[in-house]
Amino acid sequence: MTTASRLPDPYGSGGGANLADILERVLDKGIVIAGDIRINLLDIELLTIKLRLIVASVDKAKEMGIDWWESDPSLSSGARRDELARENAELRERLARLEQLEPGRAREEEAP
């Protein structure tokens, strides 16, 4: 008889399923963790750090009105295209203004 067979499993046989259920519930409902760190010296506030963490599914976050990743050019190709289109329009407008200021000079530079 071995001792290992008599010891209970520390995580239980359904531990993976329980973890998956918990994760599904958290993503479905969402969870907010908030905290503030303040550093004071002689009643003078030197530093305040506010930490906020939200864990939720994308659908739940959108439901709560959180969709900042959709307008961030580093995270969204659509936002990147919009930013490039805006920048292109601004540059065309700026070029048109410069050409109006010096119409002869722009033509001279284009000639070989």
N, C-alpha and C. Protein backbone atom coordinates (compact mmCIF):
# COMPACT_ATOMS: atom_id res chain seq x y z
N MET A 1 0.85 -1.17 0.00
CA MET A 1 0.00 0.00 0.00
C MET A 1 0.89 1.23 0.00
N THR A 2 0.62 2.17 -0.93
CA THR A 2 1.43 3.38 -1.00
C THR A 2 0.72 4.52 -0.32
N THR A 3 1.50 5.42 0.19
CA THR A 3 0.94 6.57 0.90
C THR A 3 0.30 7.56 -0.07
N ALA A 4 0.86 7.68 -1.26
CA ALA A 4 0.34 8.65 -2.23
C ALA A 4 -1.10 8.38 -2.61
N SER A 5 -1.51 7.11 -2.65
CA SER A 5 -2.88 6.81 -3.05
C SER A 5 -3.90 7.24 -1.99
N ARG A 6 -3.46 7.38 -0.75
CA ARG A 6 -4.39 7.78 0.30
C ARG A 6 -4.49 9.30 0.45
N LEU A 7 -3.54 10.07 -0.12
CA LEU A 7 -3.58 11.52 0.02
C LEU A 7 -4.59 12.13 -0.95
N PRO A 8 -5.37 13.07 -0.49
CA PRO A 8 -6.36 13.70 -1.39
C PRO A 8 -5.66 14.60 -2.40
N ASP A 9 -6.30 14.77 -3.55
CA ASP A 9 -5.79 15.67 -4.57
C ASP A 9 -5.98 17.10 -4.07
N PRO A 10 -4.90 17.89 -3.96
CA PRO A 10 -5.04 19.23 -3.37
C PRO A 10 -5.92 20.16 -4.20
N TYR A 11 -6.02 19.94 -5.50
CA TYR A 11 -6.80 20.85 -6.34
C TYR A 11 -8.16 20.27 -6.72
N GLY A 12 -8.44 19.07 -6.34
CA GLY A 12 -9.71 18.45 -6.67
C GLY A 12 -9.69 17.96 -8.10
N SER A 13 -10.52 17.01 -8.41
CA SER A 13 -10.52 16.44 -9.75
C SER A 13 -11.15 17.38 -10.77
N GLY A 14 -12.06 18.26 -10.37
CA GLY A 14 -12.72 19.19 -11.29
C GLY A 14 -12.14 20.58 -11.23
N GLY A 15 -10.89 20.73 -10.81
CA GLY A 15 -10.29 22.05 -10.65
C GLY A 15 -10.25 22.85 -11.93
N GLY A 16 -9.96 22.19 -13.06
CA GLY A 16 -9.92 22.89 -14.33
C GLY A 16 -11.28 23.42 -14.73
N ALA A 17 -12.30 22.62 -14.54
CA ALA A 17 -13.66 23.05 -14.89
C ALA A 17 -14.11 24.18 -13.97
N ASN A 18 -13.77 24.11 -12.70
CA ASN A 18 -14.14 25.17 -11.77
C ASN A 18 -13.47 26.48 -12.14
N LEU A 19 -12.20 26.42 -12.51
CA LEU A 19 -11.47 27.62 -12.92
C LEU A 19 -12.08 28.20 -14.19
N ALA A 20 -12.44 27.35 -15.13
CA ALA A 20 -13.07 27.81 -16.37
C ALA A 20 -14.42 28.46 -16.06
N ASP A 21 -15.19 27.89 -15.16
CA ASP A 21 -16.48 28.47 -14.78
C ASP A 21 -16.29 29.84 -14.14
N ILE A 22 -15.32 29.94 -13.25
CA ILE A 22 -15.05 31.22 -12.59
C ILE A 22 -14.63 32.27 -13.60
N LEU A 23 -13.73 31.90 -14.51
CA LEU A 23 -13.27 32.83 -15.53
C LEU A 23 -14.43 33.26 -16.43
N GLU A 24 -15.29 32.34 -16.78
CA GLU A 24 -16.45 32.68 -17.61
C GLU A 24 -17.36 33.66 -16.89
N ARG A 25 -17.59 33.44 -15.61
CA ARG A 25 -18.44 34.35 -14.84
C ARG A 25 -17.81 35.73 -14.73
N VAL A 26 -16.51 35.78 -14.47
CA VAL A 26 -15.83 37.07 -14.35
C VAL A 26 -15.90 37.84 -15.67
N LEU A 27 -15.63 37.15 -16.78
CA LEU A 27 -15.68 37.82 -18.07
C LEU A 27 -17.10 38.23 -18.45
N ASP A 28 -18.08 37.43 -18.04
CA ASP A 28 -19.46 37.73 -18.36
C ASP A 28 -19.98 38.91 -17.53
N LYS A 29 -19.66 38.93 -16.26
CA LYS A 29 -20.16 39.98 -15.37
C LYS A 29 -19.19 41.16 -15.28
N GLY A 30 -17.90 40.89 -15.34
CA GLY A 30 -16.90 41.93 -15.18
C GLY A 30 -16.52 42.08 -13.72
N ILE A 31 -15.31 42.55 -13.51
CA ILE A 31 -14.83 42.79 -12.15
C ILE A 31 -13.97 44.05 -12.18
N VAL A 32 -14.09 44.86 -11.16
CA VAL A 32 -13.33 46.10 -11.06
C VAL A 32 -12.47 46.03 -9.81
N ILE A 33 -11.20 46.34 -9.98
CA ILE A 33 -10.28 46.42 -8.85
C ILE A 33 -9.74 47.85 -8.84
N ALA A 34 -9.90 48.53 -7.73
CA ALA A 34 -9.49 49.93 -7.65
C ALA A 34 -8.64 50.14 -6.42
N GLY A 35 -7.69 51.04 -6.54
CA GLY A 35 -6.84 51.35 -5.39
C GLY A 35 -6.11 52.66 -5.59
N ASP A 36 -5.81 53.33 -4.51
CA ASP A 36 -5.07 54.59 -4.55
C ASP A 36 -3.84 54.47 -3.67
N ILE A 37 -2.76 55.04 -4.15
CA ILE A 37 -1.53 55.10 -3.38
C ILE A 37 -1.19 56.57 -3.19
N ARG A 38 -1.01 56.98 -1.95
CA ARG A 38 -0.67 58.37 -1.67
C ARG A 38 0.59 58.41 -0.82
N ILE A 39 1.47 59.31 -1.19
CA ILE A 39 2.70 59.51 -0.42
C ILE A 39 2.67 60.94 0.11
N ASN A 40 2.66 61.05 1.42
CA ASN A 40 2.63 62.36 2.09
C ASN A 40 3.87 62.55 2.94
N LEU A 41 4.29 63.78 3.04
CA LEU A 41 5.39 64.14 3.92
C LEU A 41 4.96 65.37 4.70
N LEU A 42 4.80 65.22 6.01
CA LEU A 42 4.36 66.31 6.89
C LEU A 42 3.06 66.94 6.37
N ASP A 43 2.08 66.12 6.09
CA ASP A 43 0.77 66.54 5.59
C ASP A 43 0.81 67.25 4.25
N ILE A 44 1.89 67.07 3.49
CA ILE A 44 1.99 67.60 2.13
C ILE A 44 1.96 66.42 1.19
N GLU A 45 0.99 66.43 0.31
CA GLU A 45 0.85 65.32 -0.63
C GLU A 45 1.92 65.45 -1.72
N LEU A 46 2.79 64.46 -1.78
CA LEU A 46 3.86 64.47 -2.76
C LEU A 46 3.49 63.71 -4.03
N LEU A 47 2.75 62.62 -3.88
CA LEU A 47 2.45 61.78 -5.02
C LEU A 47 1.15 61.03 -4.77
N THR A 48 0.30 60.99 -5.81
CA THR A 48 -0.92 60.19 -5.76
C THR A 48 -0.97 59.35 -7.02
N ILE A 49 -1.16 58.07 -6.86
CA ILE A 49 -1.29 57.15 -7.98
C ILE A 49 -2.64 56.46 -7.83
N LYS A 50 -3.46 56.58 -8.87
CA LYS A 50 -4.77 55.93 -8.86
C LYS A 50 -4.71 54.76 -9.82
N LEU A 51 -4.99 53.59 -9.31
CA LEU A 51 -4.97 52.37 -10.12
C LEU A 51 -6.39 51.85 -10.29
N ARG A 52 -6.76 51.57 -11.52
CA ARG A 52 -8.07 50.99 -11.81
C ARG A 52 -7.85 49.84 -12.78
N LEU A 53 -8.40 48.71 -12.50
CA LEU A 53 -8.28 47.54 -13.35
C LEU A 53 -9.68 46.96 -13.56
N ILE A 54 -10.03 46.80 -14.82
CA ILE A 54 -11.32 46.20 -15.16
C ILE A 54 -11.04 44.95 -15.96
N VAL A 55 -11.58 43.83 -15.51
CA VAL A 55 -11.46 42.57 -16.24
C VAL A 55 -12.86 42.20 -16.70
N ALA A 56 -13.03 42.15 -18.02
CA ALA A 56 -14.35 41.82 -18.58
C ALA A 56 -14.16 41.38 -20.02
N SER A 57 -15.16 40.75 -20.57
CA SER A 57 -15.11 40.39 -21.98
C SER A 57 -15.29 41.66 -22.82
N VAL A 58 -14.94 41.58 -24.09
CA VAL A 58 -15.09 42.72 -24.99
C VAL A 58 -16.56 43.12 -25.07
N ASP A 59 -17.44 42.15 -25.18
CA ASP A 59 -18.88 42.46 -25.26
C ASP A 59 -19.37 43.18 -24.01
N LYS A 60 -18.95 42.70 -22.85
CA LYS A 60 -19.37 43.33 -21.59
C LYS A 60 -18.78 44.73 -21.47
N ALA A 61 -17.52 44.91 -21.89
CA ALA A 61 -16.90 46.23 -21.83
C ALA A 61 -17.65 47.21 -22.73
N LYS A 62 -18.02 46.77 -23.93
CA LYS A 62 -18.79 47.65 -24.82
C LYS A 62 -20.14 47.98 -24.22
N GLU A 63 -20.74 47.00 -23.57
CA GLU A 63 -22.03 47.21 -22.90
C GLU A 63 -21.90 48.28 -21.82
N MET A 64 -20.74 48.32 -21.15
CA MET A 64 -20.50 49.31 -20.10
C MET A 64 -20.04 50.65 -20.66
N GLY A 65 -19.87 50.72 -22.00
CA GLY A 65 -19.45 51.98 -22.62
C GLY A 65 -17.95 52.15 -22.73
N ILE A 66 -17.22 51.07 -22.57
CA ILE A 66 -15.76 51.12 -22.65
C ILE A 66 -15.35 50.53 -24.00
N ASP A 67 -14.82 51.38 -24.88
CA ASP A 67 -14.40 50.91 -26.20
C ASP A 67 -13.20 51.69 -26.72
N TRP A 68 -12.32 52.10 -25.85
CA TRP A 68 -11.18 52.94 -26.22
C TRP A 68 -10.25 52.27 -27.22
N TRP A 69 -10.20 50.95 -27.25
CA TRP A 69 -9.29 50.26 -28.17
C TRP A 69 -9.72 50.42 -29.62
N GLU A 70 -10.99 50.75 -29.85
CA GLU A 70 -11.47 50.92 -31.22
C GLU A 70 -10.95 52.19 -31.86
N SER A 71 -10.61 53.20 -31.05
CA SER A 71 -10.11 54.47 -31.59
C SER A 71 -8.61 54.65 -31.39
N ASP A 72 -7.94 53.65 -30.85
CA ASP A 72 -6.49 53.71 -30.65
C ASP A 72 -5.78 53.19 -31.90
N PRO A 73 -5.02 54.04 -32.61
CA PRO A 73 -4.37 53.61 -33.85
C PRO A 73 -3.39 52.46 -33.68
N SER A 74 -2.82 52.31 -32.51
CA SER A 74 -1.88 51.22 -32.31
C SER A 74 -2.58 49.88 -32.08
N LEU A 75 -3.89 49.91 -31.84
CA LEU A 75 -4.63 48.68 -31.59
C LEU A 75 -5.68 48.37 -32.65
N SER A 76 -6.05 49.35 -33.47
CA SER A 76 -7.14 49.17 -34.42
C SER A 76 -6.71 49.61 -35.81
N SER A 77 -6.85 48.72 -36.79
CA SER A 77 -6.48 49.09 -38.16
C SER A 77 -7.44 50.15 -38.71
N GLY A 78 -8.70 50.10 -38.32
CA GLY A 78 -9.66 51.12 -38.75
C GLY A 78 -9.29 52.49 -38.23
N ALA A 79 -8.89 52.57 -36.96
CA ALA A 79 -8.47 53.84 -36.38
C ALA A 79 -7.19 54.33 -37.05
N ARG A 80 -6.29 53.41 -37.39
CA ARG A 80 -5.05 53.77 -38.07
C ARG A 80 -5.36 54.38 -39.44
N ARG A 81 -6.29 53.76 -40.17
CA ARG A 81 -6.69 54.29 -41.49
C ARG A 81 -7.31 55.66 -41.34
N ASP A 82 -8.17 55.82 -40.34
CA ASP A 82 -8.81 57.12 -40.11
C ASP A 82 -7.77 58.19 -39.80
N GLU A 83 -6.78 57.85 -38.99
CA GLU A 83 -5.74 58.81 -38.63
C GLU A 83 -4.91 59.18 -39.86
N LEU A 84 -4.57 58.19 -40.69
CA LEU A 84 -3.81 58.47 -41.91
C LEU A 84 -4.61 59.32 -42.88
N ALA A 85 -5.91 59.05 -43.01
CA ALA A 85 -6.76 59.85 -43.89
C ALA A 85 -6.84 61.29 -43.40
N ARG A 86 -6.98 61.47 -42.08
CA ARG A 86 -7.03 62.82 -41.51
C ARG A 86 -5.72 63.55 -41.76
N GLU A 87 -4.60 62.87 -41.51
CA GLU A 87 -3.29 63.48 -41.72
C GLU A 87 -3.08 63.82 -43.19
N ASN A 88 -3.51 62.95 -44.09
CA ASN A 88 -3.39 63.19 -45.52
C ASN A 88 -4.19 64.43 -45.92
N ALA A 89 -5.41 64.55 -45.41
CA ALA A 89 -6.25 65.71 -45.71
C ALA A 89 -5.61 67.00 -45.20
N GLU A 90 -5.05 66.95 -43.99
CA GLU A 90 -4.38 68.13 -43.43
C GLU A 90 -3.18 68.54 -44.28
N LEU A 91 -2.41 67.56 -44.73
CA LEU A 91 -1.24 67.87 -45.55
C LEU A 91 -1.65 68.44 -46.91
N ARG A 92 -2.71 67.91 -47.52
CA ARG A 92 -3.19 68.43 -48.79
C ARG A 92 -3.67 69.88 -48.63
N GLU A 93 -4.37 70.13 -47.54
CA GLU A 93 -4.86 71.48 -47.25
C GLU A 93 -3.69 72.44 -47.05
N ARG A 94 -2.70 72.00 -46.32
CA ARG A 94 -1.51 72.82 -46.07
C ARG A 94 -0.75 73.10 -47.37
N LEU A 95 -0.62 72.10 -48.22
CA LEU A 95 0.05 72.26 -49.50
C LEU A 95 -0.72 73.25 -50.38
N ALA A 96 -2.04 73.15 -50.37
CA ALA A 96 -2.86 74.07 -51.16
C ALA A 96 -2.66 75.51 -50.68
N ARG A 97 -2.59 75.72 -49.37
CA ARG A 97 -2.36 77.07 -48.83
C ARG A 97 -0.99 77.59 -49.25
N LEU A 98 0.02 76.73 -49.19
CA LEU A 98 1.37 77.14 -49.59
C LEU A 98 1.42 77.48 -51.08
N GLU A 99 0.74 76.70 -51.90
CA GLU A 99 0.72 76.98 -53.34
C GLU A 99 0.00 78.28 -53.63
N GLN A 100 -0.99 78.64 -52.84
CA GLN A 100 -1.70 79.91 -53.04
C GLN A 100 -0.80 81.09 -52.66
N LEU A 101 0.06 80.89 -51.67
CA LEU A 101 0.96 81.96 -51.25
C LEU A 101 2.04 82.22 -52.31
N GLU A 102 2.57 81.18 -52.90
CA GLU A 102 3.64 81.29 -53.88
C GLU A 102 3.33 80.41 -55.09
N PRO A 103 2.38 80.82 -55.94
CA PRO A 103 1.99 79.96 -57.05
C PRO A 103 3.11 79.74 -58.07
N GLY A 104 3.92 80.74 -58.37
CA GLY A 104 4.99 80.60 -59.35
C GLY A 104 6.09 79.69 -58.87
N ARG A 105 6.41 79.74 -57.61
CA ARG A 105 7.51 78.95 -57.06
C ARG A 105 7.23 77.46 -57.12
N ALA A 106 5.97 77.06 -56.84
CA ALA A 106 5.60 75.64 -56.85
C ALA A 106 5.76 75.08 -58.26
N ARG A 107 5.41 75.87 -59.30
CA ARG A 107 5.53 75.40 -60.68
C ARG A 107 6.99 75.30 -61.10
N GLU A 108 7.84 76.21 -60.63
CA GLU A 108 9.26 76.18 -60.98
C GLU A 108 9.95 74.94 -60.42
N GLU A 109 9.56 74.54 -59.21
CA GLU A 109 10.17 73.38 -58.57
C GLU A 109 9.73 72.09 -59.25
N GLU A 110 8.53 72.06 -59.86
CA GLU A 110 8.05 70.86 -60.53
C GLU A 110 8.76 70.62 -61.86
N ALA A 111 9.22 71.69 -62.51
CA ALA A 111 9.88 71.55 -63.81
C ALA A 111 11.26 70.90 -63.62
N PRO A 112 11.69 70.02 -64.61
CA PRO A 112 13.00 69.35 -64.47
C PRO A 112 14.17 70.25 -64.75
